[in-house]
Amino acid sequence: VQLQASGGGLVQAGGSLRLSCAASGRTFSNNGVGWFRQAPGKERDFVAAIDWSGGSTTYANSIQGRFTISRDKPKNTVYLQMNNLKPDDTAVYYCAASRYSRSSYYLNEYPYWGQGTLVTVSS
């Protein structure tokens, strides 16, 4: 599975962005998909994940209530809607496809990764 993340950019605090993760090569409709982020000098952290059906989602505490993950299976795309962005949300955001169908925050369950998209939130 090849993944392409897009939608990052520069936004002011309180603003919104929607990230997209599109799959090519083969569908990831049977895979859980996650979003992770990595700020400069920090480790890659879990943000949100969705199971194969779209019926189960998992979120990091830091973004709970502000971000929403969803998937459009006919379009083979997963989205991350980010609202009320804060400067601490500044990072490169990566999407990844799991080897399992469930949603999961375990980074080592994700063998397929996109290239990342930069989100910068100014104060």
N, C-alpha and C. Protein backbone atom coordinates (compact mmCIF):
# COMPACT_ATOMS: atom_id res chain seq x y z
N VAL A 1 0.84 -1.18 0.00
CA VAL A 1 0.00 0.00 0.00
C VAL A 1 0.88 1.24 0.00
N GLN A 2 0.62 2.15 -0.91
CA GLN A 2 1.32 3.43 -0.93
C GLN A 2 0.36 4.52 -0.47
N LEU A 3 0.82 5.34 0.46
CA LEU A 3 -0.04 6.36 1.05
C LEU A 3 0.48 7.76 0.72
N GLN A 4 -0.45 8.67 0.47
CA GLN A 4 -0.10 10.06 0.17
C GLN A 4 -0.89 10.96 1.10
N ALA A 5 -0.18 11.65 1.99
CA ALA A 5 -0.84 12.59 2.90
C ALA A 5 -0.77 13.99 2.30
N SER A 6 -1.84 14.75 2.48
CA SER A 6 -1.89 16.11 1.97
C SER A 6 -2.80 16.96 2.84
N GLY A 7 -2.77 18.26 2.61
CA GLY A 7 -3.68 19.17 3.30
C GLY A 7 -3.04 20.02 4.38
N GLY A 8 -1.76 19.81 4.65
CA GLY A 8 -1.09 20.62 5.65
C GLY A 8 -0.91 22.05 5.18
N GLY A 9 -0.48 22.89 6.10
CA GLY A 9 -0.25 24.29 5.75
C GLY A 9 -0.06 25.13 7.00
N LEU A 10 -0.08 26.43 6.79
CA LEU A 10 0.07 27.40 7.87
C LEU A 10 -1.30 27.94 8.25
N VAL A 11 -1.62 27.91 9.53
CA VAL A 11 -2.92 28.39 10.00
C VAL A 11 -2.72 29.09 11.34
N GLN A 12 -3.57 30.05 11.61
CA GLN A 12 -3.52 30.73 12.91
C GLN A 12 -4.18 29.88 13.99
N ALA A 13 -3.76 30.10 15.22
CA ALA A 13 -4.38 29.41 16.34
C ALA A 13 -5.89 29.62 16.31
N GLY A 14 -6.62 28.56 16.57
CA GLY A 14 -8.08 28.60 16.51
C GLY A 14 -8.64 28.22 15.15
N GLY A 15 -7.79 28.12 14.16
CA GLY A 15 -8.23 27.78 12.82
C GLY A 15 -8.39 26.29 12.62
N SER A 16 -8.70 25.92 11.37
CA SER A 16 -8.97 24.52 11.03
C SER A 16 -8.22 24.10 9.78
N LEU A 17 -7.93 22.84 9.70
CA LEU A 17 -7.37 22.21 8.50
C LEU A 17 -7.97 20.82 8.37
N ARG A 18 -8.03 20.32 7.14
CA ARG A 18 -8.42 18.93 6.93
C ARG A 18 -7.31 18.23 6.18
N LEU A 19 -6.76 17.21 6.79
CA LEU A 19 -5.74 16.40 6.14
C LEU A 19 -6.39 15.22 5.44
N SER A 20 -5.78 14.82 4.34
CA SER A 20 -6.27 13.67 3.58
C SER A 20 -5.15 12.64 3.46
N CYS A 21 -5.53 11.39 3.44
CA CYS A 21 -4.60 10.29 3.24
C CYS A 21 -5.20 9.38 2.18
N ALA A 22 -4.59 9.39 1.01
CA ALA A 22 -5.09 8.61 -0.11
C ALA A 22 -4.18 7.41 -0.35
N ALA A 23 -4.79 6.28 -0.63
CA ALA A 23 -4.04 5.06 -0.88
C ALA A 23 -3.97 4.79 -2.37
N SER A 24 -2.84 4.28 -2.80
CA SER A 24 -2.68 3.85 -4.19
C SER A 24 -1.94 2.51 -4.18
N GLY A 25 -1.93 1.89 -5.33
CA GLY A 25 -1.30 0.58 -5.41
C GLY A 25 -2.31 -0.51 -5.13
N ARG A 26 -2.91 -0.43 -3.94
CA ARG A 26 -4.02 -1.29 -3.63
C ARG A 26 -4.87 -0.61 -2.57
N THR A 27 -6.05 -1.07 -2.43
CA THR A 27 -6.95 -0.47 -1.46
C THR A 27 -6.50 -0.78 -0.04
N PHE A 28 -6.83 0.12 0.89
CA PHE A 28 -6.63 -0.19 2.29
C PHE A 28 -7.96 -0.28 3.03
N SER A 29 -8.98 -0.67 2.28
CA SER A 29 -10.33 -0.71 2.85
C SER A 29 -10.47 -1.75 3.96
N ASN A 30 -9.59 -2.72 4.03
CA ASN A 30 -9.66 -3.72 5.10
C ASN A 30 -8.68 -3.46 6.24
N ASN A 31 -7.99 -2.33 6.16
CA ASN A 31 -6.97 -2.00 7.15
C ASN A 31 -7.42 -0.87 8.06
N GLY A 32 -7.01 -0.96 9.32
CA GLY A 32 -7.11 0.22 10.17
C GLY A 32 -6.13 1.27 9.66
N VAL A 33 -6.44 2.53 9.87
CA VAL A 33 -5.58 3.63 9.43
C VAL A 33 -5.39 4.60 10.59
N GLY A 34 -4.18 5.07 10.75
CA GLY A 34 -3.89 6.00 11.83
C GLY A 34 -3.19 7.24 11.34
N TRP A 35 -3.33 8.28 12.15
CA TRP A 35 -2.56 9.52 11.96
C TRP A 35 -1.61 9.66 13.14
N PHE A 36 -0.38 10.02 12.84
CA PHE A 36 0.64 10.27 13.83
C PHE A 36 1.27 11.62 13.53
N ARG A 37 1.95 12.20 14.50
CA ARG A 37 2.63 13.46 14.24
C ARG A 37 3.97 13.49 14.94
N GLN A 38 4.86 14.27 14.36
CA GLN A 38 6.21 14.39 14.91
C GLN A 38 6.62 15.86 14.88
N ALA A 39 6.80 16.42 16.06
CA ALA A 39 7.29 17.79 16.17
C ALA A 39 8.82 17.78 16.16
N PRO A 40 9.44 18.89 15.80
CA PRO A 40 10.91 18.94 15.76
C PRO A 40 11.54 18.52 17.08
N GLY A 41 12.46 17.59 17.01
CA GLY A 41 13.17 17.15 18.20
C GLY A 41 12.40 16.21 19.10
N LYS A 42 11.22 15.80 18.66
CA LYS A 42 10.39 14.92 19.50
C LYS A 42 10.12 13.60 18.79
N GLU A 43 9.60 12.65 19.54
CA GLU A 43 9.25 11.36 18.97
C GLU A 43 7.93 11.46 18.20
N ARG A 44 7.70 10.47 17.36
CA ARG A 44 6.46 10.40 16.62
C ARG A 44 5.36 9.90 17.55
N ASP A 45 4.28 10.66 17.63
CA ASP A 45 3.20 10.37 18.57
C ASP A 45 1.91 10.03 17.85
N PHE A 46 1.13 9.20 18.49
CA PHE A 46 -0.18 8.84 17.98
C PHE A 46 -1.13 10.03 18.08
N VAL A 47 -1.99 10.18 17.06
CA VAL A 47 -3.00 11.24 17.05
C VAL A 47 -4.41 10.63 17.03
N ALA A 48 -4.68 9.83 16.02
CA ALA A 48 -6.03 9.26 15.87
C ALA A 48 -5.96 8.03 14.97
N ALA A 49 -6.94 7.15 15.12
CA ALA A 49 -7.00 5.96 14.28
C ALA A 49 -8.44 5.57 14.05
N ILE A 50 -8.65 4.84 12.96
CA ILE A 50 -10.00 4.39 12.58
C ILE A 50 -9.91 2.95 12.11
N ASP A 51 -10.94 2.16 12.41
CA ASP A 51 -10.89 0.77 12.00
C ASP A 51 -11.33 0.63 10.54
N TRP A 52 -11.31 -0.58 10.04
CA TRP A 52 -11.58 -0.83 8.63
C TRP A 52 -12.96 -0.36 8.21
N SER A 53 -13.94 -0.45 9.12
CA SER A 53 -15.32 -0.12 8.76
C SER A 53 -15.63 1.36 8.91
N GLY A 54 -14.81 2.05 9.68
CA GLY A 54 -15.12 3.45 10.01
C GLY A 54 -15.99 3.56 11.24
N GLY A 55 -16.35 2.45 11.83
CA GLY A 55 -17.25 2.46 12.97
C GLY A 55 -16.58 2.61 14.31
N SER A 56 -15.27 2.45 14.36
CA SER A 56 -14.55 2.56 15.62
C SER A 56 -13.37 3.50 15.46
N THR A 57 -13.25 4.46 16.37
CA THR A 57 -12.17 5.42 16.30
C THR A 57 -11.49 5.52 17.67
N THR A 58 -10.24 5.95 17.63
CA THR A 58 -9.43 6.12 18.84
C THR A 58 -8.69 7.44 18.71
N TYR A 59 -8.62 8.19 19.81
CA TYR A 59 -7.97 9.50 19.78
C TYR A 59 -6.99 9.66 20.93
N ALA A 60 -5.95 10.42 20.68
CA ALA A 60 -5.06 10.82 21.75
C ALA A 60 -5.77 11.83 22.65
N ASN A 61 -5.46 11.81 23.92
CA ASN A 61 -6.11 12.74 24.86
C ASN A 61 -5.88 14.19 24.48
N SER A 62 -4.72 14.48 23.93
CA SER A 62 -4.35 15.87 23.65
C SER A 62 -5.21 16.51 22.56
N ILE A 63 -5.84 15.72 21.73
CA ILE A 63 -6.63 16.28 20.62
C ILE A 63 -8.11 15.90 20.71
N GLN A 64 -8.45 15.18 21.74
CA GLN A 64 -9.83 14.73 21.92
C GLN A 64 -10.80 15.91 21.89
N GLY A 65 -11.84 15.78 21.09
CA GLY A 65 -12.83 16.83 20.98
C GLY A 65 -12.51 17.91 19.97
N ARG A 66 -11.29 17.93 19.46
CA ARG A 66 -10.89 18.94 18.46
C ARG A 66 -10.68 18.32 17.10
N PHE A 67 -10.20 17.09 17.05
CA PHE A 67 -9.91 16.41 15.79
C PHE A 67 -10.92 15.28 15.57
N THR A 68 -11.22 15.03 14.30
CA THR A 68 -12.12 13.94 13.94
C THR A 68 -11.52 13.17 12.77
N ILE A 69 -11.41 11.87 12.93
CA ILE A 69 -10.93 11.01 11.84
C ILE A 69 -12.13 10.35 11.18
N SER A 70 -12.08 10.23 9.87
CA SER A 70 -13.15 9.58 9.13
C SER A 70 -12.56 8.94 7.88
N ARG A 71 -13.36 8.09 7.25
CA ARG A 71 -12.85 7.48 6.01
C ARG A 71 -13.97 7.39 4.99
N ASP A 72 -13.57 7.54 3.73
CA ASP A 72 -14.47 7.41 2.59
C ASP A 72 -13.97 6.21 1.81
N LYS A 73 -14.63 5.08 1.99
CA LYS A 73 -14.12 3.85 1.40
C LYS A 73 -14.19 3.86 -0.13
N PRO A 74 -15.26 4.35 -0.75
CA PRO A 74 -15.24 4.39 -2.23
C PRO A 74 -14.09 5.23 -2.78
N LYS A 75 -13.68 6.28 -2.04
CA LYS A 75 -12.58 7.12 -2.50
C LYS A 75 -11.23 6.62 -2.00
N ASN A 76 -11.24 5.57 -1.16
CA ASN A 76 -9.98 5.01 -0.64
C ASN A 76 -9.16 6.08 0.06
N THR A 77 -9.84 6.89 0.86
CA THR A 77 -9.22 8.05 1.51
C THR A 77 -9.66 8.12 2.97
N VAL A 78 -8.72 8.52 3.82
CA VAL A 78 -8.99 8.78 5.23
C VAL A 78 -8.70 10.25 5.50
N TYR A 79 -9.55 10.86 6.31
CA TYR A 79 -9.41 12.29 6.60
C TYR A 79 -9.13 12.52 8.08
N LEU A 80 -8.49 13.64 8.36
CA LEU A 80 -8.34 14.12 9.73
C LEU A 80 -8.77 15.57 9.74
N GLN A 81 -9.95 15.83 10.27
CA GLN A 81 -10.44 17.19 10.42
C GLN A 81 -9.91 17.74 11.73
N MET A 82 -9.20 18.85 11.65
CA MET A 82 -8.56 19.45 12.82
C MET A 82 -9.15 20.83 13.05
N ASN A 83 -9.81 20.99 14.16
CA ASN A 83 -10.43 22.26 14.53
C ASN A 83 -9.76 22.83 15.77
N ASN A 84 -9.96 24.13 15.98
CA ASN A 84 -9.40 24.81 17.16
C ASN A 84 -7.92 24.46 17.34
N LEU A 85 -7.18 24.64 16.27
CA LEU A 85 -5.76 24.29 16.30
C LEU A 85 -4.98 25.18 17.26
N LYS A 86 -3.97 24.58 17.87
CA LYS A 86 -3.12 25.27 18.82
C LYS A 86 -1.67 25.22 18.35
N PRO A 87 -0.84 26.17 18.80
CA PRO A 87 0.58 26.11 18.40
C PRO A 87 1.24 24.77 18.72
N ASP A 88 0.82 24.10 19.78
CA ASP A 88 1.38 22.80 20.14
C ASP A 88 1.03 21.70 19.13
N ASP A 89 0.10 21.97 18.25
CA ASP A 89 -0.26 21.01 17.21
C ASP A 89 0.71 21.06 16.03
N THR A 90 1.63 22.01 16.03
CA THR A 90 2.60 22.14 14.95
C THR A 90 3.47 20.88 14.87
N ALA A 91 3.49 20.26 13.71
CA ALA A 91 4.23 19.01 13.53
C ALA A 91 4.10 18.55 12.08
N VAL A 92 4.90 17.57 11.72
CA VAL A 92 4.66 16.84 10.48
C VAL A 92 3.68 15.72 10.81
N TYR A 93 2.60 15.65 10.04
CA TYR A 93 1.57 14.65 10.26
C TYR A 93 1.71 13.54 9.24
N TYR A 94 1.71 12.31 9.74
CA TYR A 94 1.85 11.12 8.90
C TYR A 94 0.60 10.26 9.00
N CYS A 95 0.19 9.72 7.87
CA CYS A 95 -0.84 8.68 7.92
C CYS A 95 -0.16 7.32 7.72
N ALA A 96 -0.79 6.31 8.26
CA ALA A 96 -0.22 4.97 8.20
C ALA A 96 -1.34 3.95 8.16
N ALA A 97 -1.09 2.86 7.45
CA ALA A 97 -2.06 1.76 7.38
C ALA A 97 -1.56 0.60 8.25
N SER A 98 -2.49 0.08 9.04
CA SER A 98 -2.15 -1.00 9.96
C SER A 98 -2.12 -2.35 9.25
N ARG A 99 -1.46 -3.30 9.86
CA ARG A 99 -1.51 -4.66 9.36
C ARG A 99 -2.80 -5.35 9.84
N TYR A 100 -3.53 -4.70 10.73
CA TYR A 100 -4.77 -5.23 11.26
C TYR A 100 -5.96 -4.38 10.82
N SER A 101 -7.15 -4.88 11.05
CA SER A 101 -8.35 -4.16 10.66
C SER A 101 -8.84 -3.20 11.75
N ARG A 102 -8.35 -3.34 12.95
CA ARG A 102 -8.82 -2.53 14.07
C ARG A 102 -8.13 -1.17 14.08
N SER A 103 -8.69 -0.24 14.85
CA SER A 103 -8.01 1.02 15.11
C SER A 103 -7.06 0.79 16.27
N SER A 104 -5.90 1.38 16.22
CA SER A 104 -4.89 1.13 17.24
C SER A 104 -3.95 2.31 17.38
N TYR A 105 -3.46 2.53 18.61
CA TYR A 105 -2.49 3.59 18.82
C TYR A 105 -1.07 3.06 18.89
N TYR A 106 -0.88 1.75 18.64
CA TYR A 106 0.45 1.17 18.69
C TYR A 106 1.19 1.42 17.38
N LEU A 107 2.21 2.23 17.41
CA LEU A 107 2.95 2.59 16.22
C LEU A 107 3.51 1.37 15.50
N ASN A 108 3.91 0.34 16.24
CA ASN A 108 4.54 -0.83 15.61
C ASN A 108 3.54 -1.73 14.89
N GLU A 109 2.25 -1.39 14.92
CA GLU A 109 1.25 -2.14 14.15
C GLU A 109 1.06 -1.56 12.76
N TYR A 110 1.81 -0.52 12.43
CA TYR A 110 1.63 0.19 11.16
C TYR A 110 2.86 0.03 10.27
N PRO A 111 2.85 -0.89 9.32
CA PRO A 111 4.01 -1.07 8.45
C PRO A 111 4.02 -0.15 7.23
N TYR A 112 2.89 0.47 6.91
CA TYR A 112 2.79 1.28 5.69
C TYR A 112 2.62 2.75 6.07
N TRP A 113 3.53 3.59 5.56
CA TRP A 113 3.54 5.00 5.95
C TRP A 113 3.56 5.90 4.74
N GLY A 114 2.87 7.03 4.87
CA GLY A 114 2.95 8.09 3.88
C GLY A 114 4.14 8.99 4.18
N GLN A 115 4.32 10.01 3.33
CA GLN A 115 5.52 10.85 3.42
C GLN A 115 5.39 11.98 4.42
N GLY A 116 4.21 12.27 4.91
CA GLY A 116 4.03 13.34 5.88
C GLY A 116 3.64 14.66 5.24
N THR A 117 2.87 15.43 6.00
CA THR A 117 2.48 16.78 5.57
C THR A 117 2.64 17.70 6.76
N LEU A 118 3.23 18.89 6.52
CA LEU A 118 3.58 19.81 7.60
C LEU A 118 2.39 20.68 7.97
N VAL A 119 2.10 20.72 9.26
CA VAL A 119 1.09 21.62 9.81
C VAL A 119 1.79 22.60 10.74
N THR A 120 1.62 23.88 10.47
CA THR A 120 2.21 24.92 11.30
C THR A 120 1.10 25.81 11.82
N VAL A 121 1.03 25.93 13.14
CA VAL A 121 0.00 26.75 13.77
C VAL A 121 0.68 27.94 14.44
N SER A 122 0.34 29.12 13.99
CA SER A 122 0.94 30.33 14.56
C SER A 122 0.07 30.89 15.68
N SER A 123 0.73 31.51 16.63
CA SER A 123 -0.01 32.06 17.79
C SER A 123 -0.45 33.50 17.56
